[in-house]
Amino acid sequence: MSTMSQPVASKARVIKILGRIGARGILTEVRVQLLEYPKMHFLRTVKGPVRIGDIVDFEDTELNDQPSFKTLGNFGDKA
């Protein structure tokens, strides 16, 4: 039986609105600052109206969506 931990929602403050994205401009790309770690900034897409200073929630699993660069060293290797 495997145990799965529930993702924890983190809160972040919108510090800059970068613009609309998507085929119809439905999403807004924003720069957010984590409330727990103010020096950490991320780019996020938000659906719906958003203003500078708004607090948005996102799951900690989204932080792990960054590409892993550990495997990049194997691409140039010859077998």
C-alpha atoms as a PDB file:
ATOM      1  CA  MET A   1       0.000   0.000   0.000  1.00  0.00           C
ATOM      2  CA  SER A   2       1.548   3.318  -1.040  1.00  0.00           C
ATOM      3  CA  THR A   3       0.992   6.515   0.845  1.00  0.00           C
ATOM      4  CA  MET A   4       0.543   9.711  -1.096  1.00  0.00           C
ATOM      5  CA  SER A   5       1.029  13.034   0.595  1.00  0.00           C
ATOM      6  CA  GLN A   6      -1.499  15.726  -0.138  1.00  0.00           C
ATOM      7  CA  PRO A   7      -0.116  18.758  -2.006  1.00  0.00           C
ATOM      8  CA  VAL A   8       0.093  21.846   0.161  1.00  0.00           C
ATOM      9  CA  ALA A   9      -1.209  25.124  -1.237  1.00  0.00           C
ATOM     10  CA  SER A  10       1.206  28.045  -1.026  1.00  0.00           C
ATOM     11  CA  LYS A  11       0.222  31.652  -1.216  1.00  0.00           C
ATOM     12  CA  ALA A  12       1.942  34.244  -3.386  1.00  0.00           C
ATOM     13  CA  ARG A  13       1.417  37.963  -3.999  1.00  0.00           C
ATOM     14  CA  VAL A  14       1.162  39.312  -7.562  1.00  0.00           C
ATOM     15  CA  ILE A  15       3.953  41.869  -8.000  1.00  0.00           C
ATOM     16  CA  LYS A  16       3.862  42.426 -11.769  1.00  0.00           C
ATOM     17  CA  ILE A  17       1.399  41.775 -14.590  1.00  0.00           C
ATOM     18  CA  LEU A  18       3.251  40.766 -17.747  1.00  0.00           C
ATOM     19  CA  GLY A  19       0.368  40.406 -20.199  1.00  0.00           C
ATOM     20  CA  ARG A  20      -2.289  38.206 -21.722  1.00  0.00           C
ATOM     21  CA  ILE A  21      -1.369  34.840 -23.203  1.00  0.00           C
ATOM     22  CA  GLY A  22      -3.193  31.995 -24.862  1.00  0.00           C
ATOM     23  CA  ALA A  23      -5.077  31.690 -28.123  1.00  0.00           C
ATOM     24  CA  ARG A  24      -7.834  34.038 -26.973  1.00  0.00           C
ATOM     25  CA  GLY A  25      -6.031  35.918 -24.218  1.00  0.00           C
ATOM     26  CA  ILE A  26      -7.886  34.048 -21.496  1.00  0.00           C
ATOM     27  CA  LEU A  27      -4.821  33.659 -19.270  1.00  0.00           C
ATOM     28  CA  THR A  28      -2.689  36.391 -17.706  1.00  0.00           C
ATOM     29  CA  GLU A  29       1.009  35.873 -17.087  1.00  0.00           C
ATOM     30  CA  VAL A  30       2.110  37.388 -13.773  1.00  0.00           C
ATOM     31  CA  ARG A  31       5.223  37.505 -11.592  1.00  0.00           C
ATOM     32  CA  VAL A  32       4.488  36.401  -8.034  1.00  0.00           C
ATOM     33  CA  GLN A  33       6.417  36.558  -4.771  1.00  0.00           C
ATOM     34  CA  LEU A  34       6.016  33.779  -2.225  1.00  0.00           C
ATOM     35  CA  LEU A  35       4.646  35.008   1.087  1.00  0.00           C
ATOM     36  CA  GLU A  36       6.658  32.433   3.068  1.00  0.00           C
ATOM     37  CA  TYR A  37       9.920  33.222   1.220  1.00  0.00           C
ATOM     38  CA  PRO A  38       9.792  36.841  -0.045  1.00  0.00           C
ATOM     39  CA  LYS A  39      13.023  36.494  -2.057  1.00  0.00           C
ATOM     40  CA  MET A  40      11.515  33.768  -4.261  1.00  0.00           C
ATOM     41  CA  HIS A  41       9.771  35.026  -7.413  1.00  0.00           C
ATOM     42  CA  PHE A  42       8.016  32.923 -10.058  1.00  0.00           C
ATOM     43  CA  LEU A  43       6.156  33.399 -13.308  1.00  0.00           C
ATOM     44  CA  ARG A  44       2.623  32.022 -13.148  1.00  0.00           C
ATOM     45  CA  THR A  45      -0.394  32.010 -15.396  1.00  0.00           C
ATOM     46  CA  VAL A  46      -3.677  33.069 -13.848  1.00  0.00           C
ATOM     47  CA  LYS A  47      -7.173  32.569 -15.241  1.00  0.00           C
ATOM     48  CA  GLY A  48      -9.617  35.340 -14.480  1.00  0.00           C
ATOM     49  CA  PRO A  49      -9.221  38.929 -13.363  1.00  0.00           C
ATOM     50  CA  VAL A  50      -6.043  39.778 -11.459  1.00  0.00           C
ATOM     51  CA  ARG A  51      -4.482  42.952 -10.072  1.00  0.00           C
ATOM     52  CA  ILE A  52      -1.127  43.816  -8.514  1.00  0.00           C
ATOM     53  CA  GLY A  53      -1.225  42.935  -4.820  1.00  0.00           C
ATOM     54  CA  ASP A  54      -3.691  40.049  -5.225  1.00  0.00           C
ATOM     55  CA  ILE A  55      -2.915  36.835  -3.357  1.00  0.00           C
ATOM     56  CA  VAL A  56      -2.993  33.678  -5.475  1.00  0.00           C
ATOM     57  CA  ASP A  57      -2.833  30.057  -4.350  1.00  0.00           C
ATOM     58  CA  PHE A  58      -0.870  27.332  -6.076  1.00  0.00           C
ATOM     59  CA  GLU A  59       0.117  23.843  -5.080  1.00  0.00           C
ATOM     60  CA  ASP A  60       3.667  23.039  -4.003  1.00  0.00           C
ATOM     61  CA  THR A  61       3.688  20.326  -6.679  1.00  0.00           C
ATOM     62  CA  GLU A  62       3.850  23.144  -9.244  1.00  0.00           C
ATOM     63  CA  LEU A  63       7.257  24.070  -7.832  1.00  0.00           C
ATOM     64  CA  ASN A  64       8.510  20.619  -8.857  1.00  0.00           C
ATOM     65  CA  ASP A  65       7.411  21.104 -12.483  1.00  0.00           C
ATOM     66  CA  GLN A  66      10.742  22.759 -13.288  1.00  0.00           C
ATOM     67  CA  PRO A  67      12.817  20.721 -15.756  1.00  0.00           C
ATOM     68  CA  SER A  68      15.540  18.578 -14.293  1.00  0.00           C
ATOM     69  CA  PHE A  69      18.965  19.442 -15.668  1.00  0.00           C
ATOM     70  CA  LYS A  70      20.661  16.390 -14.163  1.00  0.00           C
ATOM     71  CA  THR A  71      19.951  14.289 -17.266  1.00  0.00           C
ATOM     72  CA  LEU A  72      21.284  16.830 -19.781  1.00  0.00           C
ATOM     73  CA  GLY A  73      24.852  15.531 -19.447  1.00  0.00           C
ATOM     74  CA  ASN A  74      23.949  12.231 -21.132  1.00  0.00           C
ATOM     75  CA  PHE A  75      22.907  13.709 -24.488  1.00  0.00           C
ATOM     76  CA  GLY A  76      26.432  14.265 -25.794  1.00  0.00           C
ATOM     77  CA  ASP A  77      27.786  10.914 -24.651  1.00  0.00           C
ATOM     78  CA  LYS A  78      28.718   8.345 -27.289  1.00  0.00           C
ATOM     79  CA  ALA A  79      27.886   4.723 -26.670  1.00  0.00           C
END
